[in-house]
């Protein structure tokens, strides 16, 4: 029996819904559909034919399930990306162990508007090939990105596959060196080419670095850029920005306050870094998705081990057009809750999707959270600079007073020290409450295999 339920109301959300059975059901991607509803994709072990199956869930605009479909064989299949296609159907991509030539193969599934499979195609060699991102291209075909150890120069290489509108491969290209290079996100750029983002340990300054690869319309590499420090830095999402540049999001272990921090990198159209900003506390904080918002700023979605109610909580961070933080919020319960994808809604709010161990019917369930726009009390929006420091100080004082403590811990700090310290140690809600840091190690934002 399919289960869909309202989760315990997350503070600051309009609504939240869980979907799943008694086992493990994890969502990795959400889109808003043309009818104002939502489509979510991930994998399920509660339903289907095999150990893990693709699971596509369609909801109305209030998050109520309209239908769901699973796809797979007797092996394991995980879907990581979904798009709505020009014919109002859906395209899903991930990997399969039930079909294909190798241990794991790219798997592209096309459905009609009701989720009925129209066709599927797999791509790969005798090794392990995993797709994480799909787009519909300007010629009505598809582009898939992930990584391969069947082809290329190294242990893993970026792999870009281009198909026609029926899923037949037109060409493919791999990019990488002798190390491990993994692509997690692809977009088609305004010049009809492609941009791929992930990480490389073949090139760059550290163990793993953000890697942005730009290709032309035939998949030929035009340029590539790495970003990172001496430790590990991994990119999971890329977009083309309104000025023709790019924004990448992931995590950094080279910069910031904690073991891993959200890292947002902005480049120009040639991939040269214009600025970067990190966000996080002393725990593990992983950004999995970035969007450019209607005001020209950016919103990052992921999960945090530094703030919130549980070991890991959904974390949504809003910035201005220069990457300065202007608001954030956590959502979650006593268990682990991982956000992987977000979209901006028509009211200026957001819908976030990920997995929850805090709510639902099973071990992990799909979790869809709606966050109202600024007028609905969703994210906190504060001025950057001295005013922001005052807001944080006042919130901290209220927090300490509510527990019978003084705020004298601030007496020896300068204004700049207060601004830096409090952002990394306390999360401020729009209600004025704050939550202390929860320090803990965490899994990588990479979808768990």
Protein backbone atom coordinates (compact mmCIF):
# COMPACT_ATOMS: atom_id res chain seq x y z
CA UNK A 1 0.00 0.00 0.00
CA UNK A 2 1.33 3.45 -0.90
CA UNK A 3 1.73 5.77 2.06
CA UNK A 4 1.50 9.55 1.92
CA UNK A 5 1.12 11.63 5.04
CA UNK A 6 1.57 15.08 6.48
CA UNK A 7 4.73 15.18 8.58
CA UNK A 8 4.91 16.90 11.92
CA UNK A 9 4.63 20.54 10.89
CA UNK A 10 8.12 21.92 10.38
CA UNK A 11 8.43 25.38 11.99
CA UNK A 12 8.33 28.06 9.31
CA UNK A 13 6.79 25.81 6.67
CA UNK A 14 3.32 26.08 5.11
CA UNK A 15 3.11 22.31 4.86
CA UNK A 16 5.23 19.20 4.64
CA UNK A 17 4.46 15.74 3.32
CA UNK A 18 6.11 12.35 3.53
CA UNK A 19 5.81 9.49 1.06
CA UNK A 20 6.96 5.95 1.53
CA UNK A 21 6.42 2.50 2.91
CA UNK A 22 7.93 0.51 5.74
CA UNK A 23 11.42 0.33 4.24
CA UNK A 24 13.85 2.93 2.80
CA UNK A 25 12.61 5.52 0.29
CA UNK A 26 14.95 8.40 -0.63
CA UNK A 27 14.21 11.38 -2.90
CA UNK A 28 17.01 13.23 -4.71
CA UNK A 29 15.25 15.63 -7.10
CA UNK A 30 12.14 17.82 -7.20
CA UNK A 31 10.66 20.05 -9.91
CA UNK A 32 7.57 22.21 -10.10
CA UNK A 33 5.32 20.96 -12.88
CA UNK A 34 3.31 22.96 -15.42
CA UNK A 35 0.08 22.44 -13.44
CA UNK A 36 1.60 23.98 -10.28
CA UNK A 37 2.21 20.64 -8.60
CA UNK A 38 5.49 18.82 -8.01
CA UNK A 39 7.32 15.76 -9.30
CA UNK A 40 9.82 13.97 -7.07
CA UNK A 41 12.21 11.18 -7.96
CA UNK A 42 14.53 8.90 -6.06
CA UNK A 43 14.48 5.25 -5.16
CA UNK A 44 12.30 2.91 -3.13
CA UNK A 45 12.89 -0.37 -1.33
CA UNK A 46 9.27 -0.43 -0.11
CA UNK A 47 7.73 -1.02 -3.54
CA UNK A 48 8.70 -2.44 -6.91
CA UNK A 49 10.39 -5.47 -8.40
CA UNK A 50 13.91 -5.42 -7.00
CA UNK A 51 16.01 -4.39 -4.07
CA UNK A 52 15.82 -0.74 -5.12
CA UNK A 53 13.65 0.77 -7.87
CA UNK A 54 13.27 4.21 -9.43
CA UNK A 55 10.32 5.94 -7.77
CA UNK A 56 8.46 8.86 -9.35
CA UNK A 57 5.88 10.67 -7.21
CA UNK A 58 3.51 13.35 -8.57
CA UNK A 59 1.70 15.74 -6.20
CA UNK A 60 -0.72 18.63 -6.50
CA UNK A 61 0.24 22.18 -5.51
CA UNK A 62 -0.38 21.40 -1.83
CA UNK A 63 1.85 18.34 -1.80
CA UNK A 64 -0.93 15.74 -1.90
CA UNK A 65 0.03 12.64 -3.87
CA UNK A 66 -1.82 12.28 -7.18
CA UNK A 67 0.00 9.17 -8.39
CA UNK A 68 3.31 7.34 -8.23
CA UNK A 69 5.15 4.86 -10.43
CA UNK A 70 8.19 2.66 -9.88
CA UNK A 71 10.56 1.28 -12.51
CA UNK A 72 13.17 -1.43 -12.26
CA UNK A 73 14.13 -5.06 -12.47
CA UNK A 74 15.41 -7.64 -10.03
CA UNK A 75 18.59 -5.68 -9.32
CA UNK A 76 19.03 -2.16 -7.97
CA UNK A 77 18.01 1.09 -9.65
CA UNK A 78 18.42 4.60 -8.23
CA UNK A 79 17.07 7.75 -9.90
CA UNK A 80 18.84 11.04 -9.17
CA UNK A 81 17.27 13.58 -11.53
CA UNK A 82 13.87 14.34 -13.07
CA UNK A 83 12.65 16.87 -15.65
CA UNK A 84 9.29 17.61 -17.19
CA UNK A 85 9.55 17.21 -20.95
CA UNK A 86 8.08 19.36 -23.71
CA UNK A 87 5.21 16.86 -24.19
CA UNK A 88 4.23 17.15 -20.48
CA UNK A 89 5.77 13.79 -19.67
CA UNK A 90 8.86 13.12 -17.55
CA UNK A 91 12.43 11.97 -18.04
CA UNK A 92 14.28 10.30 -15.16
CA UNK A 93 17.92 9.34 -14.98
CA UNK A 94 20.07 7.31 -12.63
CA UNK A 95 21.70 3.92 -12.75
CA UNK A 96 20.61 0.31 -13.17
CA UNK A 97 22.10 -3.05 -12.24
CA UNK A 98 19.18 -4.96 -13.78
CA UNK A 99 19.81 -3.97 -17.39
CA UNK A 100 22.80 -3.07 -19.56
CA UNK A 101 26.34 -4.20 -20.21
CA UNK A 102 28.16 -3.64 -16.93
CA UNK A 103 27.91 -3.64 -13.19
CA UNK A 104 26.03 -0.33 -13.27
CA UNK A 105 24.84 1.53 -16.36
CA UNK A 106 23.30 4.93 -17.02
CA UNK A 107 19.52 4.46 -17.21
CA UNK A 108 17.19 6.96 -18.89
CA UNK A 109 13.43 6.42 -18.47
CA UNK A 110 10.80 8.41 -20.40
CA UNK A 111 7.17 8.50 -19.22
CA UNK A 112 3.95 10.10 -20.34
CA UNK A 113 2.17 12.76 -18.27
CA UNK A 114 0.62 10.07 -16.03
CA UNK A 115 3.91 8.34 -15.28
CA UNK A 116 3.48 5.39 -17.65
CA UNK A 117 6.78 4.30 -19.17
CA UNK A 118 7.07 5.04 -22.88
CA UNK A 119 10.63 3.82 -23.34
CA UNK A 120 13.97 3.43 -21.55
CA UNK A 121 17.58 3.26 -22.65
CA UNK A 122 20.78 2.26 -20.86
CA UNK A 123 24.32 3.35 -21.65
CA UNK A 124 27.60 1.96 -20.40
CA UNK A 125 30.42 -0.51 -20.68
CA UNK A 126 31.63 -3.43 -18.65
CA UNK A 127 32.49 -1.28 -15.62
CA UNK A 128 30.39 0.98 -13.41
CA UNK A 129 28.66 3.96 -15.03
CA UNK A 130 26.37 6.22 -12.99
CA UNK A 131 24.21 9.10 -14.24
CA UNK A 132 23.21 11.89 -11.87
CA UNK A 133 21.74 14.66 -14.05
CA UNK A 134 19.48 14.96 -17.10
CA UNK A 135 18.28 17.90 -19.21
CA UNK A 136 16.14 18.18 -22.31
CA UNK A 137 18.15 19.90 -25.01
CA UNK A 138 17.07 22.57 -27.48
CA UNK A 139 16.68 19.92 -30.23
CA UNK A 140 14.22 17.90 -28.06
CA UNK A 141 16.87 15.31 -27.23
CA UNK A 142 18.51 14.69 -23.87
CA UNK A 143 21.90 15.20 -22.25
CA UNK A 144 22.95 13.01 -19.33
CA UNK A 145 25.94 13.52 -17.07
CA UNK A 146 27.63 11.34 -14.52
CA UNK A 147 30.82 9.35 -14.38
CA UNK A 148 32.30 6.22 -15.89
CA UNK A 149 35.03 3.73 -15.21
CA UNK A 150 34.25 1.85 -18.43
CA UNK A 151 35.79 4.58 -20.60
CA UNK A 152 38.32 7.38 -20.24
CA UNK A 153 41.75 7.96 -18.80
CA UNK A 154 41.39 7.36 -15.08
CA UNK A 155 39.63 5.47 -12.34
CA UNK A 156 36.51 7.61 -12.89
CA UNK A 157 35.91 10.18 -15.61
CA UNK A 158 33.17 12.72 -16.25
CA UNK A 159 30.82 11.25 -18.87
CA UNK A 160 28.45 13.30 -21.02
CA UNK A 161 25.93 11.39 -23.17
CA UNK A 162 23.76 13.07 -25.82
CA UNK A 163 20.66 11.34 -27.21
CA UNK A 164 17.93 12.13 -29.70
CA UNK A 165 14.29 12.57 -28.66
CA UNK A 166 13.79 8.78 -28.53
CA UNK A 167 16.79 8.12 -26.32
CA UNK A 168 19.13 6.86 -29.02
CA UNK A 169 22.74 7.87 -28.35
CA UNK A 170 24.09 10.47 -30.79
CA UNK A 171 27.49 10.93 -29.16
CA UNK A 172 29.30 10.78 -25.83
CA UNK A 173 32.41 12.41 -24.41
CA UNK A 174 34.46 11.77 -21.30
CA UNK A 175 36.69 14.22 -19.45
CA UNK A 176 39.31 13.49 -16.85
CA UNK A 177 42.82 12.52 -15.92
CA UNK A 178 44.45 9.56 -14.24
CA UNK A 179 42.65 10.12 -10.94
CA UNK A 180 39.00 10.16 -9.94
CA UNK A 181 36.76 12.72 -11.68
CA UNK A 182 33.00 12.66 -11.02
CA UNK A 183 30.30 14.81 -12.64
CA UNK A 184 27.05 15.42 -10.77
CA UNK A 185 25.34 18.21 -12.71
CA UNK A 186 24.89 19.34 -16.33
CA UNK A 187 23.20 22.32 -17.98
CA UNK A 188 22.83 23.46 -21.56
CA UNK A 189 24.31 26.93 -21.89
CA UNK A 190 23.07 29.89 -23.91
CA UNK A 191 25.55 29.10 -26.73
CA UNK A 192 23.99 25.60 -27.17
CA UNK A 193 26.98 24.00 -25.45
CA UNK A 194 27.14 22.33 -22.06
CA UNK A 195 28.59 22.97 -18.62
CA UNK A 196 29.31 20.08 -16.24
CA UNK A 197 30.23 20.32 -12.56
CA UNK A 198 31.59 17.84 -10.09
CA UNK A 199 34.98 17.20 -8.59
CA UNK A 200 38.44 16.15 -9.71
CA UNK A 201 41.45 14.70 -7.98
CA UNK A 202 43.35 14.58 -11.29
CA UNK A 203 43.78 18.36 -11.37
CA UNK A 204 43.73 21.29 -8.97
CA UNK A 205 45.27 22.26 -5.66
CA UNK A 206 43.97 19.70 -3.19
CA UNK A 207 42.86 16.14 -2.72
CA UNK A 208 39.59 16.90 -4.56
CA UNK A 209 38.60 20.20 -6.15
CA UNK A 210 35.47 21.67 -7.70
CA UNK A 211 35.72 21.05 -11.45
CA UNK A 212 33.77 23.04 -14.04
CA UNK A 213 34.01 21.78 -17.62
CA UNK A 214 32.63 23.75 -20.58
CA UNK A 215 31.90 21.88 -23.82
CA UNK A 216 30.60 22.98 -27.20
CA UNK A 217 27.38 21.69 -28.77
CA UNK A 218 29.15 18.51 -29.92
CA UNK A 219 30.68 17.76 -26.54
CA UNK A 220 34.20 18.98 -27.33
CA UNK A 221 35.91 20.55 -24.34
CA UNK A 222 36.39 24.33 -24.68
CA UNK A 223 37.87 24.99 -21.24
CA UNK A 224 37.83 23.76 -17.67
CA UNK A 225 38.50 25.35 -14.29
CA UNK A 226 39.23 23.98 -10.82
CA UNK A 227 38.47 25.66 -7.52
CA UNK A 228 39.63 24.58 -4.09
CA UNK A 229 42.29 24.48 -1.44
CA UNK A 230 44.55 21.86 0.05
CA UNK A 231 41.71 19.65 1.34
CA UNK A 232 38.63 18.17 -0.34
CA UNK A 233 36.13 20.42 -2.14
CA UNK A 234 33.27 18.84 -4.12
CA UNK A 235 30.67 20.52 -6.37
CA UNK A 236 27.22 18.98 -6.75
CA UNK A 237 25.21 21.60 -8.65
CA UNK A 238 25.79 24.16 -11.41
CA UNK A 239 23.56 26.79 -13.02
CA UNK A 240 24.07 29.45 -15.64
CA UNK A 241 23.44 32.84 -14.09
CA UNK A 242 21.54 35.79 -15.56
CA UNK A 243 24.82 37.53 -16.48
CA UNK A 244 26.06 34.54 -18.50
CA UNK A 245 28.38 33.27 -15.79
CA UNK A 246 28.01 30.20 -13.59
CA UNK A 247 27.26 29.43 -9.96
CA UNK A 248 28.44 26.18 -8.38
CA UNK A 249 27.48 24.76 -4.99
CA UNK A 250 28.86 21.94 -2.92
CA UNK A 251 31.05 21.65 0.12
CA UNK A 252 34.51 22.76 1.14
CA UNK A 253 36.86 21.23 3.65
CA UNK A 254 39.56 23.76 2.73
CA UNK A 255 37.77 26.90 3.93
CA UNK A 256 35.18 27.87 6.53
CA UNK A 257 34.40 27.10 10.14
CA UNK A 258 33.82 23.36 10.28
CA UNK A 259 34.81 20.01 8.90
CA UNK A 260 32.74 20.74 5.77
CA UNK A 261 30.88 23.93 4.92
CA UNK A 262 28.47 24.96 2.18
CA UNK A 263 30.53 26.55 -0.59
CA UNK A 264 29.10 28.82 -3.28
CA UNK A 265 31.40 29.80 -6.17
CA UNK A 266 30.47 32.44 -8.77
CA UNK A 267 32.33 32.64 -12.08
CA UNK A 268 32.18 34.77 -15.21
CA UNK A 269 31.24 33.31 -18.60
CA UNK A 270 34.79 32.00 -19.09
CA UNK A 271 34.87 30.18 -15.76
CA UNK A 272 37.06 32.68 -13.92
CA UNK A 273 36.12 32.99 -10.26
CA UNK A 274 34.50 36.31 -9.36
CA UNK A 275 33.80 35.48 -5.72
CA UNK A 276 33.06 32.62 -3.34
CA UNK A 277 31.35 32.35 0.03
CA UNK A 278 31.12 29.57 2.60
CA UNK A 279 28.41 28.97 5.18
CA UNK A 280 28.38 26.67 8.17
CA UNK A 281 29.31 25.91 11.71
CA UNK A 282 31.62 23.52 13.49
CA UNK A 283 29.76 20.45 12.26
CA UNK A 284 29.37 19.01 8.78
CA UNK A 285 27.32 21.14 6.34
CA UNK A 286 26.75 19.98 2.74
CA UNK A 287 25.14 22.03 -0.06
CA UNK A 288 23.55 19.80 -2.69
CA UNK A 289 21.62 22.28 -4.85
CA UNK A 290 21.76 25.92 -5.97
CA UNK A 291 19.20 28.09 -7.75
CA UNK A 292 19.27 31.72 -8.79
CA UNK A 293 16.27 33.47 -7.29
CA UNK A 294 13.95 36.06 -8.80
CA UNK A 295 15.75 38.87 -6.93
CA UNK A 296 19.11 37.98 -8.51
CA UNK A 297 20.43 36.27 -5.40
CA UNK A 298 20.99 32.59 -4.74
CA UNK A 299 19.46 29.87 -2.57
CA UNK A 300 21.36 26.78 -1.51
CA UNK A 301 19.72 23.61 -0.17
CA UNK A 302 21.46 20.81 1.65
CA UNK A 303 21.85 19.55 5.16
CA UNK A 304 23.56 20.64 8.33
CA UNK A 305 25.16 18.95 11.30
CA UNK A 306 25.90 22.32 12.90
CA UNK A 307 22.36 23.59 13.50
CA UNK A 308 18.83 22.30 13.97
CA UNK A 309 17.01 19.65 15.98
CA UNK A 310 18.62 16.38 14.91
CA UNK A 311 21.93 14.89 13.92
CA UNK A 312 21.36 16.31 10.41
CA UNK A 313 18.61 18.69 9.31
CA UNK A 314 17.49 20.24 6.04
CA UNK A 315 19.25 23.60 5.66
CA UNK A 316 18.18 26.38 3.30
CA UNK A 317 20.49 29.39 2.90
CA UNK A 318 19.53 32.56 0.99
CA UNK A 319 22.10 35.04 -0.29
CA UNK A 320 22.08 38.32 -2.18
CA UNK A 321 23.58 38.65 -5.67
CA UNK A 322 27.08 38.95 -4.19
CA UNK A 323 26.83 35.82 -2.05
CA UNK A 324 26.22 37.58 1.28
CA UNK A 325 23.95 35.55 3.53
CA UNK A 326 20.57 37.23 4.14
CA UNK A 327 18.55 34.37 5.61
CA UNK A 328 18.53 30.70 6.52
CA UNK A 329 16.37 28.06 8.14
CA UNK A 330 16.57 24.44 9.24
CA UNK A 331 13.86 21.78 9.13
CA UNK A 332 13.95 18.41 10.82
CA UNK A 333 13.27 16.23 13.80
CA UNK A 334 15.26 14.02 16.12
CA UNK A 335 16.48 11.74 13.31
CA UNK A 336 18.61 12.42 10.24
CA UNK A 337 17.00 14.57 7.54
CA UNK A 338 18.88 15.24 4.28
CA UNK A 339 17.78 17.84 1.70
CA UNK A 340 19.02 17.26 -1.84
CA UNK A 341 16.96 19.56 -4.09
CA UNK A 342 14.95 22.80 -4.01
CA UNK A 343 12.89 24.96 -6.36
CA UNK A 344 11.57 28.50 -5.96
CA UNK A 345 7.78 28.74 -6.06
CA UNK A 346 5.60 31.43 -7.58
CA UNK A 347 5.09 33.21 -4.23
CA UNK A 348 8.84 33.69 -3.75
CA UNK A 349 9.04 30.75 -1.36
CA UNK A 350 10.59 27.32 -1.85
CA UNK A 351 9.85 23.64 -1.97
CA UNK A 352 12.63 21.41 -0.63
CA UNK A 353 12.91 17.65 -1.13
CA UNK A 354 15.03 15.05 0.59
CA UNK A 355 14.84 12.08 2.89
CA UNK A 356 13.66 11.95 6.50
CA UNK A 357 14.26 9.53 9.33
CA UNK A 358 12.31 11.78 11.70
CA UNK A 359 8.87 11.44 10.11
CA UNK A 360 6.91 9.04 7.93
CA UNK A 361 6.12 5.36 7.77
CA UNK A 362 9.48 3.68 7.26
CA UNK A 363 13.20 3.78 7.91
CA UNK A 364 13.56 6.71 5.51
CA UNK A 365 10.81 8.44 3.58
CA UNK A 366 10.56 11.02 0.82
CA UNK A 367 10.05 14.42 2.51
CA UNK A 368 8.65 17.46 0.72
CA UNK A 369 8.69 20.77 2.63
CA UNK A 370 7.03 23.99 1.48
CA UNK A 371 8.59 27.23 2.74
CA UNK A 372 6.52 30.41 2.28
CA UNK A 373 7.97 33.58 0.80
CA UNK A 374 9.23 36.46 2.96
CA UNK A 375 5.73 37.80 3.57
CA UNK A 376 4.72 34.40 4.93
CA UNK A 377 7.42 34.30 7.60
CA UNK A 378 9.61 31.69 5.91
CA UNK A 379 13.29 32.61 5.84
CA UNK A 380 14.66 35.37 8.03
CA UNK A 381 15.84 38.31 5.95
CA UNK A 382 18.21 40.71 7.70
CA UNK A 383 20.42 43.52 6.50
CA UNK A 384 24.07 42.69 5.99
CA UNK A 385 26.57 44.49 8.19
CA UNK A 386 26.04 46.25 11.52
CA UNK A 387 22.28 45.68 11.51
CA UNK A 388 22.83 41.96 11.08
CA UNK A 389 25.17 41.94 14.07
CA UNK A 390 22.54 43.71 16.17
CA UNK A 391 19.89 41.16 15.16
CA UNK A 392 22.17 38.27 16.09
CA UNK A 393 23.17 39.86 19.41
CA UNK A 394 19.56 40.53 20.39
CA UNK A 395 18.53 37.00 19.47
CA UNK A 396 21.38 35.60 21.54
CA UNK A 397 20.45 37.77 24.53
CA UNK A 398 16.86 36.54 24.34
CA UNK A 399 18.09 32.98 24.13
CA UNK A 400 20.35 33.34 27.17
CA UNK A 401 17.74 35.20 29.22
CA UNK A 402 15.13 32.54 28.47
CA UNK A 403 17.49 30.05 30.16
CA UNK A 404 18.40 32.23 33.11
CA UNK A 405 21.84 33.13 31.79
CA UNK A 406 23.47 36.45 31.09
CA UNK A 407 24.85 37.58 27.75
CA UNK A 408 28.19 38.54 29.26
CA UNK A 409 29.97 36.13 26.92
CA UNK A 410 29.79 38.93 24.39
CA UNK A 411 31.44 41.53 26.60
CA UNK A 412 34.98 40.77 25.47
CA UNK A 413 34.15 40.49 21.75
CA UNK A 414 34.49 43.15 19.11
CA UNK A 415 31.66 43.76 16.64
CA UNK A 416 33.47 41.78 13.92
CA UNK A 417 34.16 38.89 16.29
CA UNK A 418 30.49 38.77 17.28
CA UNK A 419 29.39 38.62 13.64
CA UNK A 420 31.73 35.78 12.79
CA UNK A 421 31.31 33.80 15.99
CA UNK A 422 27.54 33.86 16.27
CA UNK A 423 26.87 32.83 12.70
CA UNK A 424 28.97 29.75 13.24
CA UNK A 425 27.59 28.85 16.66
CA UNK A 426 23.89 29.76 16.71
CA UNK A 427 21.07 29.45 14.24
CA UNK A 428 18.51 32.26 14.53
CA UNK A 429 14.85 31.63 13.71
CA UNK A 430 12.43 34.33 12.61
CA UNK A 431 10.63 33.81 15.93
CA UNK A 432 13.75 35.04 17.77
CA UNK A 433 14.72 31.64 19.18
CA UNK A 434 18.13 30.13 18.51
CA UNK A 435 19.58 26.64 18.65
CA UNK A 436 23.12 25.77 19.72
CA UNK A 437 25.51 23.86 17.52
CA UNK A 438 25.34 20.07 17.29
CA UNK A 439 28.83 18.86 16.45
CA UNK A 440 29.06 15.59 14.53
CA UNK A 441 30.80 14.01 11.55
CA UNK A 442 28.68 13.36 8.50
CA UNK A 443 28.36 11.47 5.25
CA UNK A 444 29.31 13.19 2.00
CA UNK A 445 26.57 14.98 0.07
CA UNK A 446 27.24 12.52 -2.74
CA UNK A 447 24.06 10.43 -3.08
CA UNK A 448 24.72 7.40 -0.92
CA UNK A 449 25.50 4.29 -2.97
